[in-house]
């Protein structure tokens, strides 16, 4: 299993009037990485903490890169084998190779995936949760790779 942690940069503080983002920076990166894996014909699970968050991510993914649609679904939607990308708050029933973890914990089923993608957002609470996940993977015997997301 390959584990990648993407370290997001701190927001710029020298901007005169910061613009509120429609979605968090790590969601934007998650969608970009999801698109890359989809284009490589890999099946992806985007995991959230709960159904409400999954619904928000689903809505945003419909608007992401309008000229390059990413076929995705929530659990129970779409074709019998599911779309190439599934957004869920629990384990997928379909075989997938990539897990993009947007939840605060390491899912019990993470070891079923060839590649797990994690994020270290700039937000203090989310950064602390990422450190806990990193330690958890280390305790399981894995050495996560740290990548800068700039």
N, C-alpha and C. Protein backbone atom coordinates (compact mmCIF):
# COMPACT_ATOMS: atom_id res chain seq x y z
N UNK A 1 0.85 -1.18 0.00
CA UNK A 1 0.00 0.00 0.00
C UNK A 1 0.89 1.24 0.00
N UNK A 2 0.57 2.16 -0.87
CA UNK A 2 1.29 3.42 -0.99
C UNK A 2 0.42 4.52 -0.36
N UNK A 3 1.02 5.31 0.55
CA UNK A 3 0.27 6.38 1.23
C UNK A 3 0.95 7.71 0.94
N UNK A 4 0.19 8.66 0.44
CA UNK A 4 0.70 10.00 0.14
C UNK A 4 -0.02 11.02 1.00
N UNK A 5 0.74 11.83 1.70
CA UNK A 5 0.19 12.96 2.46
C UNK A 5 0.58 14.24 1.73
N UNK A 6 -0.40 15.03 1.34
CA UNK A 6 -0.17 16.30 0.66
C UNK A 6 -0.24 17.43 1.68
N UNK A 7 0.88 18.13 1.83
CA UNK A 7 0.99 19.25 2.76
C UNK A 7 0.57 20.52 2.04
N UNK A 8 -0.55 21.09 2.48
CA UNK A 8 -1.06 22.31 1.85
C UNK A 8 -0.39 23.54 2.45
N UNK A 9 -0.09 24.54 1.62
CA UNK A 9 0.57 25.74 2.13
C UNK A 9 -0.36 26.57 3.00
N UNK A 10 0.25 27.36 3.87
CA UNK A 10 -0.52 28.31 4.69
C UNK A 10 -1.12 29.35 3.74
N UNK A 11 -2.34 29.83 4.04
CA UNK A 11 -2.93 30.87 3.18
C UNK A 11 -2.09 32.14 3.22
N UNK A 12 -2.09 32.84 2.10
CA UNK A 12 -1.33 34.10 2.03
C UNK A 12 -1.95 35.13 2.95
N UNK A 13 -1.10 35.79 3.74
CA UNK A 13 -1.60 36.80 4.67
C UNK A 13 -1.39 38.22 4.17
N UNK A 14 -0.66 38.38 3.08
CA UNK A 14 -0.39 39.73 2.59
C UNK A 14 -1.40 40.18 1.53
N UNK A 15 -2.45 39.43 1.33
CA UNK A 15 -3.47 39.81 0.36
C UNK A 15 -4.37 40.87 1.00
N UNK A 16 -4.66 41.94 0.25
CA UNK A 16 -5.45 43.05 0.79
C UNK A 16 -6.82 42.59 1.29
N UNK A 17 -7.57 41.91 0.43
CA UNK A 17 -8.88 41.41 0.83
C UNK A 17 -8.97 39.94 0.44
N UNK A 18 -8.77 39.03 1.40
CA UNK A 18 -8.84 37.62 1.04
C UNK A 18 -10.23 37.25 0.54
N UNK A 19 -10.26 36.45 -0.53
CA UNK A 19 -11.53 36.01 -1.09
C UNK A 19 -11.91 34.68 -0.45
N UNK A 20 -13.12 34.57 0.03
CA UNK A 20 -13.54 33.28 0.59
C UNK A 20 -13.63 32.23 -0.51
N UNK A 21 -13.09 31.07 -0.26
CA UNK A 21 -13.11 30.00 -1.24
C UNK A 21 -14.44 29.26 -1.16
N UNK A 22 -14.90 28.80 -2.29
CA UNK A 22 -16.15 28.05 -2.31
C UNK A 22 -16.01 26.74 -1.54
N UNK A 23 -14.85 26.14 -1.61
CA UNK A 23 -14.59 24.91 -0.87
C UNK A 23 -13.19 24.98 -0.27
N UNK A 24 -12.92 24.14 0.74
CA UNK A 24 -11.58 24.15 1.34
C UNK A 24 -10.51 23.77 0.31
N UNK A 25 -9.30 24.25 0.53
CA UNK A 25 -8.19 24.01 -0.39
C UNK A 25 -7.91 22.52 -0.56
N UNK A 26 -8.04 21.74 0.51
CA UNK A 26 -7.74 20.31 0.37
C UNK A 26 -8.83 19.59 -0.44
N UNK A 27 -10.05 20.11 -0.47
CA UNK A 27 -11.08 19.54 -1.34
C UNK A 27 -10.74 19.83 -2.79
N UNK A 28 -10.26 21.05 -3.07
CA UNK A 28 -9.89 21.39 -4.44
C UNK A 28 -8.79 20.46 -4.93
N UNK A 29 -7.78 20.26 -4.09
CA UNK A 29 -6.69 19.35 -4.46
C UNK A 29 -7.21 17.92 -4.59
N UNK A 30 -8.09 17.50 -3.70
CA UNK A 30 -8.67 16.15 -3.78
C UNK A 30 -9.38 15.95 -5.12
N UNK A 31 -10.11 16.95 -5.57
CA UNK A 31 -10.81 16.85 -6.85
C UNK A 31 -9.83 16.80 -8.02
N UNK A 32 -8.76 17.58 -7.95
CA UNK A 32 -7.74 17.54 -9.00
C UNK A 32 -7.09 16.16 -9.07
N UNK A 33 -6.73 15.61 -7.89
CA UNK A 33 -6.12 14.28 -7.85
C UNK A 33 -7.10 13.21 -8.31
N UNK A 34 -8.35 13.36 -7.94
CA UNK A 34 -9.39 12.44 -8.38
C UNK A 34 -9.47 12.45 -9.91
N UNK A 35 -9.46 13.63 -10.51
CA UNK A 35 -9.52 13.75 -11.97
C UNK A 35 -8.31 13.08 -12.62
N UNK A 36 -7.13 13.26 -12.04
CA UNK A 36 -5.93 12.63 -12.59
C UNK A 36 -6.04 11.11 -12.55
N UNK A 37 -6.48 10.57 -11.44
CA UNK A 37 -6.61 9.11 -11.32
C UNK A 37 -7.70 8.57 -12.24
N UNK A 38 -8.79 9.32 -12.38
CA UNK A 38 -9.85 8.91 -13.30
C UNK A 38 -9.31 8.86 -14.73
N UNK A 39 -8.54 9.86 -15.13
CA UNK A 39 -7.98 9.89 -16.49
C UNK A 39 -6.98 8.76 -16.71
N UNK A 40 -6.44 8.22 -15.61
CA UNK A 40 -5.53 7.06 -15.70
C UNK A 40 -6.32 5.76 -15.60
N UNK A 41 -7.64 5.86 -15.70
CA UNK A 41 -8.58 4.74 -15.66
C UNK A 41 -8.52 3.95 -14.36
N UNK A 42 -8.30 4.67 -13.26
CA UNK A 42 -8.33 4.05 -11.95
C UNK A 42 -9.67 4.36 -11.28
N UNK A 43 -10.16 3.40 -10.52
CA UNK A 43 -11.41 3.59 -9.78
C UNK A 43 -11.08 4.18 -8.42
N UNK A 44 -11.83 5.22 -8.02
CA UNK A 44 -11.50 6.03 -6.85
C UNK A 44 -12.67 6.07 -5.86
N UNK A 45 -12.34 5.99 -4.58
CA UNK A 45 -13.30 6.27 -3.51
C UNK A 45 -12.87 7.56 -2.84
N UNK A 46 -13.76 8.55 -2.80
CA UNK A 46 -13.53 9.77 -2.05
C UNK A 46 -14.33 9.62 -0.76
N UNK A 47 -13.64 9.48 0.37
CA UNK A 47 -14.27 9.19 1.65
C UNK A 47 -14.42 10.46 2.48
N UNK A 48 -15.64 10.67 3.00
CA UNK A 48 -15.92 11.82 3.87
C UNK A 48 -16.32 11.32 5.25
N UNK A 49 -16.47 12.23 6.19
CA UNK A 49 -16.87 11.87 7.55
C UNK A 49 -18.34 11.48 7.67
N UNK A 50 -19.18 12.09 6.83
CA UNK A 50 -20.62 11.86 6.98
C UNK A 50 -21.34 12.12 5.66
N UNK A 51 -22.63 11.76 5.65
CA UNK A 51 -23.43 11.89 4.44
C UNK A 51 -23.57 13.34 3.98
N UNK A 52 -23.75 14.26 4.92
CA UNK A 52 -23.91 15.67 4.55
C UNK A 52 -22.67 16.19 3.81
N UNK A 53 -21.50 15.82 4.28
CA UNK A 53 -20.26 16.25 3.62
C UNK A 53 -20.13 15.59 2.26
N UNK A 54 -20.52 14.32 2.15
CA UNK A 54 -20.49 13.63 0.86
C UNK A 54 -21.40 14.33 -0.15
N UNK A 55 -22.57 14.76 0.31
CA UNK A 55 -23.49 15.47 -0.58
C UNK A 55 -22.90 16.81 -1.05
N UNK A 56 -22.22 17.52 -0.15
CA UNK A 56 -21.57 18.79 -0.52
C UNK A 56 -20.48 18.54 -1.56
N UNK A 57 -19.67 17.53 -1.33
CA UNK A 57 -18.58 17.20 -2.26
C UNK A 57 -19.15 16.77 -3.61
N UNK A 58 -20.23 16.01 -3.59
CA UNK A 58 -20.90 15.59 -4.83
C UNK A 58 -21.34 16.81 -5.63
N UNK A 59 -21.97 17.77 -4.97
CA UNK A 59 -22.42 18.99 -5.65
C UNK A 59 -21.24 19.75 -6.24
N UNK A 60 -20.16 19.84 -5.49
CA UNK A 60 -19.01 20.59 -5.99
C UNK A 60 -18.37 19.87 -7.16
N UNK A 61 -18.30 18.53 -7.10
CA UNK A 61 -17.65 17.77 -8.18
C UNK A 61 -18.43 17.91 -9.49
N UNK A 62 -19.74 18.14 -9.41
CA UNK A 62 -20.51 18.38 -10.63
C UNK A 62 -20.05 19.66 -11.32
N UNK A 63 -19.53 20.61 -10.55
CA UNK A 63 -19.10 21.90 -11.11
C UNK A 63 -17.60 21.96 -11.41
N UNK A 64 -16.87 20.98 -10.94
CA UNK A 64 -15.42 20.97 -11.09
C UNK A 64 -15.05 20.74 -12.55
N UNK A 65 -14.19 21.57 -13.09
CA UNK A 65 -13.73 21.49 -14.48
C UNK A 65 -14.89 21.13 -15.42
N UNK A 66 -15.79 22.07 -15.66
CA UNK A 66 -16.99 21.78 -16.45
C UNK A 66 -16.71 21.18 -17.83
N UNK A 67 -15.55 21.48 -18.41
CA UNK A 67 -15.24 20.94 -19.73
C UNK A 67 -14.69 19.51 -19.67
N UNK A 68 -14.42 19.01 -18.46
CA UNK A 68 -13.91 17.64 -18.29
C UNK A 68 -14.68 16.94 -17.17
N UNK A 69 -15.82 16.40 -17.51
CA UNK A 69 -16.69 15.75 -16.54
C UNK A 69 -16.01 14.53 -15.92
N UNK A 70 -16.18 14.35 -14.62
CA UNK A 70 -15.67 13.19 -13.90
C UNK A 70 -16.90 12.37 -13.48
N UNK A 71 -17.11 11.20 -14.09
CA UNK A 71 -18.27 10.39 -13.72
C UNK A 71 -18.16 9.93 -12.27
N UNK A 72 -19.15 10.28 -11.47
CA UNK A 72 -19.12 9.94 -10.06
C UNK A 72 -20.54 9.68 -9.55
N UNK A 73 -20.60 9.05 -8.41
CA UNK A 73 -21.90 8.81 -7.79
C UNK A 73 -21.75 8.67 -6.28
N UNK A 74 -22.89 8.80 -5.63
CA UNK A 74 -23.01 8.50 -4.21
C UNK A 74 -23.42 7.04 -4.10
N UNK A 75 -23.36 6.43 -2.91
CA UNK A 75 -23.74 5.02 -2.79
C UNK A 75 -25.19 4.80 -3.23
N UNK A 76 -25.39 3.72 -3.99
CA UNK A 76 -26.73 3.38 -4.46
C UNK A 76 -27.15 4.06 -5.73
N UNK A 77 -26.36 4.99 -6.24
CA UNK A 77 -26.68 5.68 -7.49
C UNK A 77 -25.90 5.05 -8.64
N UNK A 78 -26.30 5.38 -9.84
CA UNK A 78 -25.53 5.03 -11.02
C UNK A 78 -25.62 3.56 -11.42
N UNK A 79 -24.69 3.14 -12.28
CA UNK A 79 -24.71 1.78 -12.81
C UNK A 79 -24.42 0.73 -11.72
N UNK A 80 -24.70 -0.52 -12.03
CA UNK A 80 -24.56 -1.59 -11.03
C UNK A 80 -23.13 -1.72 -10.50
N UNK A 81 -22.14 -1.50 -11.32
CA UNK A 81 -20.74 -1.55 -10.86
C UNK A 81 -20.29 -0.22 -10.28
N UNK A 82 -21.15 0.77 -10.30
CA UNK A 82 -20.80 2.09 -9.79
C UNK A 82 -20.03 2.89 -10.82
N UNK A 83 -20.00 4.18 -10.63
CA UNK A 83 -19.22 5.06 -11.51
C UNK A 83 -17.74 4.90 -11.17
N UNK A 84 -16.85 5.39 -12.04
CA UNK A 84 -15.42 5.29 -11.74
C UNK A 84 -15.03 5.96 -10.42
N UNK A 85 -15.78 6.99 -10.02
CA UNK A 85 -15.50 7.69 -8.77
C UNK A 85 -16.73 7.59 -7.88
N UNK A 86 -16.52 7.14 -6.66
CA UNK A 86 -17.61 7.06 -5.68
C UNK A 86 -17.30 7.99 -4.52
N UNK A 87 -18.30 8.75 -4.11
CA UNK A 87 -18.20 9.61 -2.93
C UNK A 87 -19.02 8.94 -1.85
N UNK A 88 -18.39 8.62 -0.73
CA UNK A 88 -19.07 7.85 0.30
C UNK A 88 -18.55 8.24 1.67
N UNK A 89 -19.31 7.92 2.70
CA UNK A 89 -18.93 8.17 4.08
C UNK A 89 -18.69 6.85 4.80
N UNK A 90 -18.70 5.74 4.02
CA UNK A 90 -18.45 4.41 4.57
C UNK A 90 -17.72 3.58 3.51
N UNK A 91 -17.42 2.34 3.83
CA UNK A 91 -16.68 1.48 2.90
C UNK A 91 -17.48 1.29 1.61
N UNK A 92 -16.76 1.30 0.50
CA UNK A 92 -17.39 1.06 -0.79
C UNK A 92 -17.63 -0.43 -0.97
N UNK A 93 -18.70 -0.77 -1.64
CA UNK A 93 -18.97 -2.18 -1.95
C UNK A 93 -18.30 -2.59 -3.25
N UNK A 94 -17.78 -1.62 -3.98
CA UNK A 94 -17.12 -1.87 -5.25
C UNK A 94 -15.61 -1.89 -5.06
N UNK A 95 -14.92 -2.69 -5.86
CA UNK A 95 -13.45 -2.73 -5.82
C UNK A 95 -12.90 -1.43 -6.42
N UNK A 96 -12.01 -0.81 -5.70
CA UNK A 96 -11.39 0.44 -6.13
C UNK A 96 -9.92 0.40 -5.74
N UNK A 97 -9.08 1.08 -6.50
CA UNK A 97 -7.64 1.04 -6.22
C UNK A 97 -7.15 2.25 -5.44
N UNK A 98 -7.87 3.38 -5.51
CA UNK A 98 -7.41 4.62 -4.88
C UNK A 98 -8.44 5.09 -3.85
N UNK A 99 -7.95 5.41 -2.66
CA UNK A 99 -8.78 5.99 -1.60
C UNK A 99 -8.29 7.41 -1.36
N UNK A 100 -9.16 8.38 -1.59
CA UNK A 100 -8.87 9.77 -1.26
C UNK A 100 -9.61 10.05 0.04
N UNK A 101 -8.86 10.13 1.13
CA UNK A 101 -9.46 10.23 2.46
C UNK A 101 -9.65 11.68 2.87
N UNK A 102 -10.91 12.11 2.91
CA UNK A 102 -11.25 13.45 3.38
C UNK A 102 -11.88 13.39 4.77
N UNK A 103 -11.83 12.21 5.38
CA UNK A 103 -12.36 12.07 6.74
C UNK A 103 -11.25 12.39 7.74
N UNK A 104 -11.61 12.51 9.00
CA UNK A 104 -10.64 12.87 10.04
C UNK A 104 -9.88 11.67 10.60
N UNK A 105 -10.29 10.46 10.24
CA UNK A 105 -9.65 9.26 10.79
C UNK A 105 -9.16 8.34 9.68
N UNK A 106 -8.33 7.37 10.06
CA UNK A 106 -7.91 6.33 9.14
C UNK A 106 -9.02 5.29 9.10
N UNK A 107 -9.62 5.05 7.95
CA UNK A 107 -10.69 4.06 7.91
C UNK A 107 -10.14 2.64 8.13
N UNK A 108 -10.94 1.81 8.77
CA UNK A 108 -10.53 0.44 9.05
C UNK A 108 -10.19 -0.33 7.79
N UNK A 109 -10.79 0.04 6.67
CA UNK A 109 -10.63 -0.68 5.41
C UNK A 109 -9.55 -0.09 4.50
N UNK A 110 -8.75 0.83 5.00
CA UNK A 110 -7.74 1.51 4.17
C UNK A 110 -6.77 0.55 3.51
N UNK A 111 -6.46 -0.54 4.17
CA UNK A 111 -5.46 -1.48 3.64
C UNK A 111 -5.94 -2.23 2.40
N UNK A 112 -7.21 -2.09 2.05
CA UNK A 112 -7.73 -2.71 0.82
C UNK A 112 -7.30 -1.96 -0.44
N UNK A 113 -6.74 -0.77 -0.27
CA UNK A 113 -6.44 0.09 -1.41
C UNK A 113 -4.95 0.08 -1.74
N UNK A 114 -4.64 0.14 -3.03
CA UNK A 114 -3.24 0.18 -3.46
C UNK A 114 -2.63 1.54 -3.13
N UNK A 115 -3.44 2.59 -3.19
CA UNK A 115 -2.94 3.95 -2.94
C UNK A 115 -3.94 4.70 -2.07
N UNK A 116 -3.45 5.27 -0.99
CA UNK A 116 -4.27 6.09 -0.10
C UNK A 116 -3.71 7.52 -0.17
N UNK A 117 -4.60 8.47 -0.40
CA UNK A 117 -4.21 9.88 -0.47
C UNK A 117 -4.80 10.60 0.73
N UNK A 118 -3.93 11.29 1.45
CA UNK A 118 -4.30 12.04 2.66
C UNK A 118 -3.89 13.50 2.48
N UNK A 119 -4.40 14.37 3.34
CA UNK A 119 -4.10 15.80 3.25
C UNK A 119 -3.73 16.36 4.61
N UNK A 120 -2.83 17.33 4.59
CA UNK A 120 -2.45 18.08 5.79
C UNK A 120 -2.82 19.54 5.51
N UNK A 121 -4.08 19.91 5.80
CA UNK A 121 -4.52 21.29 5.56
C UNK A 121 -3.84 22.28 6.51
N UNK A 122 -3.93 23.54 6.19
CA UNK A 122 -3.33 24.59 7.02
C UNK A 122 -4.10 24.79 8.32
N UNK A 123 -5.40 24.50 8.34
CA UNK A 123 -6.23 24.64 9.53
C UNK A 123 -5.65 23.83 10.69
N UNK A 124 -5.54 24.45 11.86
CA UNK A 124 -4.90 23.83 13.02
C UNK A 124 -5.54 22.51 13.42
N UNK A 125 -6.87 22.48 13.52
CA UNK A 125 -7.56 21.24 13.92
C UNK A 125 -7.38 20.14 12.89
N UNK A 126 -7.51 20.49 11.60
CA UNK A 126 -7.35 19.49 10.54
C UNK A 126 -5.91 19.00 10.45
N UNK A 127 -4.97 19.90 10.73
CA UNK A 127 -3.55 19.51 10.73
C UNK A 127 -3.28 18.52 11.86
N UNK A 128 -3.86 18.75 13.04
CA UNK A 128 -3.69 17.83 14.17
C UNK A 128 -4.28 16.46 13.84
N UNK A 129 -5.44 16.44 13.18
CA UNK A 129 -6.04 15.16 12.78
C UNK A 129 -5.15 14.44 11.77
N UNK A 130 -4.53 15.19 10.86
CA UNK A 130 -3.62 14.58 9.88
C UNK A 130 -2.40 13.97 10.56
N UNK A 131 -1.89 14.64 11.57
CA UNK A 131 -0.75 14.09 12.32
C UNK A 131 -1.13 12.77 12.99
N UNK A 132 -2.33 12.71 13.53
CA UNK A 132 -2.81 11.49 14.17
C UNK A 132 -2.93 10.36 13.14
N UNK A 133 -3.44 10.68 11.94
CA UNK A 133 -3.55 9.66 10.88
C UNK A 133 -2.16 9.20 10.45
N UNK A 134 -1.23 10.14 10.32
CA UNK A 134 0.13 9.79 9.93
C UNK A 134 0.73 8.80 10.94
N UNK A 135 0.59 9.10 12.22
CA UNK A 135 1.10 8.21 13.28
C UNK A 135 0.44 6.84 13.21
N UNK A 136 -0.86 6.83 12.93
CA UNK A 136 -1.59 5.57 12.84
C UNK A 136 -1.02 4.70 11.72
N UNK A 137 -0.78 5.28 10.56
CA UNK A 137 -0.19 4.52 9.45
C UNK A 137 1.19 3.98 9.83
N UNK A 138 1.97 4.82 10.51
CA UNK A 138 3.30 4.37 10.96
C UNK A 138 3.18 3.19 11.92
N UNK A 139 2.21 3.24 12.83
CA UNK A 139 1.99 2.13 13.76
C UNK A 139 1.57 0.86 13.04
N UNK A 140 0.93 1.01 11.89
CA UNK A 140 0.54 -0.16 11.09
C UNK A 140 1.71 -0.70 10.26
N UNK A 141 2.85 0.01 10.32
CA UNK A 141 4.04 -0.46 9.61
C UNK A 141 4.27 0.18 8.25
N UNK A 142 3.54 1.21 7.92
CA UNK A 142 3.70 1.89 6.64
C UNK A 142 4.51 3.17 6.81
N UNK A 143 5.18 3.58 5.74
CA UNK A 143 5.93 4.83 5.75
C UNK A 143 5.29 5.77 4.74
N UNK A 144 4.42 6.66 5.20
CA UNK A 144 3.76 7.58 4.29
C UNK A 144 4.75 8.54 3.62
N UNK A 145 4.46 8.88 2.40
CA UNK A 145 5.27 9.84 1.64
C UNK A 145 4.67 11.22 1.82
N UNK A 146 5.51 12.21 2.15
CA UNK A 146 5.06 13.60 2.30
C UNK A 146 5.33 14.35 0.99
N UNK A 147 4.31 15.05 0.49
CA UNK A 147 4.43 15.81 -0.75
C UNK A 147 3.93 17.22 -0.52
N UNK A 148 4.60 18.20 -1.09
CA UNK A 148 4.13 19.58 -1.02
C UNK A 148 3.07 19.80 -2.09
N UNK A 149 1.99 20.42 -1.71
CA UNK A 149 0.87 20.64 -2.64
C UNK A 149 0.88 22.05 -3.17
N UNK A 150 1.98 22.51 -3.66
CA UNK A 150 1.99 23.87 -4.21
C UNK A 150 2.02 23.83 -5.67
